[in-house]
């Protein structure tokens, strides 16, 4: 009967260790080994996940991303972002980056009369607008 114990049961659910499940939020992929083994990095990740839902934190991230893009930094390139952050470390810690005022939206002004669906088409085909250019 010893050979039966070596066969893997396809119906048995495998459970993850309790320590890993408690440290990561539900639905998140496992951490890379260089982060998983470093308690300081795990703490930073936990802080980031807690702050991620805060609207003020997201506003700060958008502001920094906007400044990076204006200076020509590709925000999808991790090394470029890290280099920019190292270069501007003092300004980031001071909170020197202010959100720029957004331009007010332009008002749309109609120049001509509205064309109804059942009005004759403006191209002169003799069809109703909905059958000609309204589709």
C-alpha atoms as a PDB file:
ATOM      1  CA  UNK A   1       0.000   0.000   0.000  1.00  0.00           C
ATOM      2  CA  UNK A   2       2.987   2.338   0.087  1.00  0.00           C
ATOM      3  CA  UNK A   3       2.726   3.043  -3.653  1.00  0.00           C
ATOM      4  CA  UNK A   4      -0.784   4.484  -3.156  1.00  0.00           C
ATOM      5  CA  UNK A   5       0.520   7.205  -0.862  1.00  0.00           C
ATOM      6  CA  UNK A   6       2.962   8.371  -3.577  1.00  0.00           C
ATOM      7  CA  UNK A   7       0.220   8.990  -6.152  1.00  0.00           C
ATOM      8  CA  UNK A   8      -0.888  12.603  -6.273  1.00  0.00           C
ATOM      9  CA  UNK A   9      -4.600  13.098  -5.654  1.00  0.00           C
ATOM     10  CA  UNK A  10      -5.959  15.419  -8.404  1.00  0.00           C
ATOM     11  CA  UNK A  11      -9.010  16.334  -6.290  1.00  0.00           C
ATOM     12  CA  UNK A  12      -7.075  17.454  -3.224  1.00  0.00           C
ATOM     13  CA  UNK A  13      -6.799  21.230  -2.869  1.00  0.00           C
ATOM     14  CA  UNK A  14      -3.306  22.494  -2.155  1.00  0.00           C
ATOM     15  CA  UNK A  15      -3.093  25.229   0.422  1.00  0.00           C
ATOM     16  CA  UNK A  16      -0.467  27.963   0.571  1.00  0.00           C
ATOM     17  CA  UNK A  17       1.489  28.480   3.798  1.00  0.00           C
ATOM     18  CA  UNK A  18      -0.354  30.711   6.265  1.00  0.00           C
ATOM     19  CA  UNK A  19       2.533  33.225   6.534  1.00  0.00           C
ATOM     20  CA  UNK A  20       2.458  34.064   2.805  1.00  0.00           C
ATOM     21  CA  UNK A  21      -1.349  34.386   2.685  1.00  0.00           C
ATOM     22  CA  UNK A  22      -1.383  36.857   5.569  1.00  0.00           C
ATOM     23  CA  UNK A  23       1.336  39.110   4.153  1.00  0.00           C
ATOM     24  CA  UNK A  24      -0.171  39.722   0.691  1.00  0.00           C
ATOM     25  CA  UNK A  25      -3.603  41.078  -0.227  1.00  0.00           C
ATOM     26  CA  UNK A  26      -6.022  38.669  -1.889  1.00  0.00           C
ATOM     27  CA  UNK A  27      -5.578  38.266  -5.629  1.00  0.00           C
ATOM     28  CA  UNK A  28      -1.985  39.524  -5.718  1.00  0.00           C
ATOM     29  CA  UNK A  29       0.752  37.471  -7.394  1.00  0.00           C
ATOM     30  CA  UNK A  30       3.569  36.174  -5.180  1.00  0.00           C
ATOM     31  CA  UNK A  31       6.460  38.537  -4.486  1.00  0.00           C
ATOM     32  CA  UNK A  32       9.760  38.119  -6.341  1.00  0.00           C
ATOM     33  CA  UNK A  33      12.393  36.308  -4.216  1.00  0.00           C
ATOM     34  CA  UNK A  34      14.567  39.432  -3.734  1.00  0.00           C
ATOM     35  CA  UNK A  35      11.595  41.206  -2.110  1.00  0.00           C
ATOM     36  CA  UNK A  36      10.062  38.202  -0.345  1.00  0.00           C
ATOM     37  CA  UNK A  37      13.236  37.539   1.673  1.00  0.00           C
ATOM     38  CA  UNK A  38      13.844  41.173   2.695  1.00  0.00           C
ATOM     39  CA  UNK A  39      11.676  42.327   5.633  1.00  0.00           C
ATOM     40  CA  UNK A  40      12.315  46.009   4.839  1.00  0.00           C
ATOM     41  CA  UNK A  41      11.011  45.591   1.275  1.00  0.00           C
ATOM     42  CA  UNK A  42       7.957  43.645   2.468  1.00  0.00           C
ATOM     43  CA  UNK A  43       7.181  46.494   4.838  1.00  0.00           C
ATOM     44  CA  UNK A  44       7.477  49.021   2.015  1.00  0.00           C
ATOM     45  CA  UNK A  45       5.152  46.949  -0.160  1.00  0.00           C
ATOM     46  CA  UNK A  46       2.609  46.765   2.676  1.00  0.00           C
ATOM     47  CA  UNK A  47       2.760  50.545   3.117  1.00  0.00           C
ATOM     48  CA  UNK A  48       2.274  51.031  -0.620  1.00  0.00           C
ATOM     49  CA  UNK A  49      -0.765  48.722  -0.718  1.00  0.00           C
ATOM     50  CA  UNK A  50      -2.332  50.548   2.249  1.00  0.00           C
ATOM     51  CA  UNK A  51      -1.798  53.962   0.640  1.00  0.00           C
ATOM     52  CA  UNK A  52      -2.909  52.887  -2.844  1.00  0.00           C
ATOM     53  CA  UNK A  53      -6.587  53.570  -2.051  1.00  0.00           C
ATOM     54  CA  UNK A  54      -5.883  57.072  -0.667  1.00  0.00           C
ATOM     55  CA  UNK A  55      -6.946  59.772  -3.206  1.00  0.00           C
ATOM     56  CA  UNK A  56      -4.317  62.232  -1.922  1.00  0.00           C
ATOM     57  CA  UNK A  57      -1.548  59.666  -2.528  1.00  0.00           C
ATOM     58  CA  UNK A  58      -2.814  58.969  -6.053  1.00  0.00           C
ATOM     59  CA  UNK A  59      -2.887  62.724  -6.732  1.00  0.00           C
ATOM     60  CA  UNK A  60       0.768  62.979  -5.654  1.00  0.00           C
ATOM     61  CA  UNK A  61       1.701  60.084  -7.949  1.00  0.00           C
ATOM     62  CA  UNK A  62      -0.077  61.725 -10.900  1.00  0.00           C
ATOM     63  CA  UNK A  63       1.688  65.027 -10.185  1.00  0.00           C
ATOM     64  CA  UNK A  64       5.112  63.342 -10.102  1.00  0.00           C
ATOM     65  CA  UNK A  65       4.333  61.392 -13.277  1.00  0.00           C
ATOM     66  CA  UNK A  66       3.343  64.639 -15.014  1.00  0.00           C
ATOM     67  CA  UNK A  67       6.621  66.322 -14.015  1.00  0.00           C
ATOM     68  CA  UNK A  68       8.569  63.269 -15.215  1.00  0.00           C
ATOM     69  CA  UNK A  69       6.838  63.301 -18.594  1.00  0.00           C
ATOM     70  CA  UNK A  70       7.454  67.044 -19.042  1.00  0.00           C
ATOM     71  CA  UNK A  71      11.162  66.422 -18.442  1.00  0.00           C
ATOM     72  CA  UNK A  72      11.189  63.625 -21.033  1.00  0.00           C
ATOM     73  CA  UNK A  73      11.337  60.605 -18.703  1.00  0.00           C
ATOM     74  CA  UNK A  74       9.646  57.445 -19.984  1.00  0.00           C
ATOM     75  CA  UNK A  75       7.514  56.477 -16.976  1.00  0.00           C
ATOM     76  CA  UNK A  76       7.282  52.879 -18.206  1.00  0.00           C
ATOM     77  CA  UNK A  77      11.087  52.502 -17.946  1.00  0.00           C
ATOM     78  CA  UNK A  78      11.868  51.593 -14.348  1.00  0.00           C
ATOM     79  CA  UNK A  79      15.558  52.554 -14.485  1.00  0.00           C
ATOM     80  CA  UNK A  80      14.746  55.977 -15.946  1.00  0.00           C
ATOM     81  CA  UNK A  81      12.167  56.625 -13.211  1.00  0.00           C
ATOM     82  CA  UNK A  82      14.616  55.530 -10.491  1.00  0.00           C
ATOM     83  CA  UNK A  83      17.331  57.790 -11.931  1.00  0.00           C
ATOM     84  CA  UNK A  84      14.911  60.738 -12.012  1.00  0.00           C
ATOM     85  CA  UNK A  85      13.835  60.055  -8.423  1.00  0.00           C
ATOM     86  CA  UNK A  86      17.465  59.910  -7.262  1.00  0.00           C
ATOM     87  CA  UNK A  87      18.227  63.167  -9.070  1.00  0.00           C
ATOM     88  CA  UNK A  88      15.189  64.925  -7.527  1.00  0.00           C
ATOM     89  CA  UNK A  89      15.265  63.170  -4.144  1.00  0.00           C
ATOM     90  CA  UNK A  90      15.412  66.386  -2.076  1.00  0.00           C
ATOM     91  CA  UNK A  91      12.554  68.011  -3.995  1.00  0.00           C
ATOM     92  CA  UNK A  92      10.376  64.912  -3.648  1.00  0.00           C
ATOM     93  CA  UNK A  93      11.002  64.689   0.115  1.00  0.00           C
ATOM     94  CA  UNK A  94      10.228  68.403   0.568  1.00  0.00           C
ATOM     95  CA  UNK A  95       7.053  68.133  -1.499  1.00  0.00           C
ATOM     96  CA  UNK A  96       8.278  70.783  -3.938  1.00  0.00           C
ATOM     97  CA  UNK A  97       6.193  69.449  -6.805  1.00  0.00           C
ATOM     98  CA  UNK A  98       2.893  71.265  -7.021  1.00  0.00           C
ATOM     99  CA  UNK A  99      -0.008  70.281  -9.213  1.00  0.00           C
ATOM    100  CA  UNK A 100      -0.408  72.734 -12.062  1.00  0.00           C
ATOM    101  CA  UNK A 101      -3.769  74.366 -12.540  1.00  0.00           C
ATOM    102  CA  UNK A 102      -5.745  72.692 -15.288  1.00  0.00           C
ATOM    103  CA  UNK A 103      -6.967  74.701 -18.231  1.00  0.00           C
ATOM    104  CA  UNK A 104     -10.695  75.296 -18.234  1.00  0.00           C
ATOM    105  CA  UNK A 105     -12.575  73.325 -20.872  1.00  0.00           C
ATOM    106  CA  UNK A 106     -13.684  75.050 -24.037  1.00  0.00           C
ATOM    107  CA  UNK A 107     -17.360  75.752 -24.544  1.00  0.00           C
ATOM    108  CA  UNK A 108     -18.862  74.236 -27.679  1.00  0.00           C
ATOM    109  CA  UNK A 109     -20.798  76.797 -29.701  1.00  0.00           C
ATOM    110  CA  UNK A 110     -23.124  75.680 -32.517  1.00  0.00           C
ATOM    111  CA  UNK A 111     -22.723  77.678 -35.721  1.00  0.00           C
ATOM    112  CA  UNK A 112     -25.680  76.334 -37.678  1.00  0.00           C
ATOM    113  CA  UNK A 113     -29.179  74.987 -37.109  1.00  0.00           C
ATOM    114  CA  UNK A 114     -29.784  71.447 -35.917  1.00  0.00           C
ATOM    115  CA  UNK A 115     -30.605  68.893 -38.589  1.00  0.00           C
ATOM    116  CA  UNK A 116     -33.378  66.527 -37.551  1.00  0.00           C
ATOM    117  CA  UNK A 117     -33.421  62.860 -38.498  1.00  0.00           C
ATOM    118  CA  UNK A 118     -36.450  63.285 -40.728  1.00  0.00           C
ATOM    119  CA  UNK A 119     -35.285  66.499 -42.463  1.00  0.00           C
ATOM    120  CA  UNK A 120     -34.028  66.308 -46.051  1.00  0.00           C
ATOM    121  CA  UNK A 121     -30.303  65.551 -46.254  1.00  0.00           C
ATOM    122  CA  UNK A 122     -27.957  68.522 -46.720  1.00  0.00           C
ATOM    123  CA  UNK A 123     -26.169  66.838 -49.654  1.00  0.00           C
ATOM    124  CA  UNK A 124     -29.190  67.227 -51.952  1.00  0.00           C
ATOM    125  CA  UNK A 125     -29.831  63.522 -52.561  1.00  0.00           C
ATOM    126  CA  UNK A 126     -33.529  63.879 -51.764  1.00  0.00           C
ATOM    127  CA  UNK A 127     -33.339  61.222 -49.056  1.00  0.00           C
ATOM    128  CA  UNK A 128     -34.027  61.803 -45.400  1.00  0.00           C
ATOM    129  CA  UNK A 129     -30.950  62.638 -43.333  1.00  0.00           C
ATOM    130  CA  UNK A 130     -31.262  59.407 -41.308  1.00  0.00           C
ATOM    131  CA  UNK A 131     -31.091  57.282 -44.502  1.00  0.00           C
ATOM    132  CA  UNK A 132     -28.270  59.216 -46.162  1.00  0.00           C
ATOM    133  CA  UNK A 133     -25.638  60.836 -43.884  1.00  0.00           C
ATOM    134  CA  UNK A 134     -27.225  60.155 -40.513  1.00  0.00           C
ATOM    135  CA  UNK A 135     -26.107  56.526 -40.262  1.00  0.00           C
END
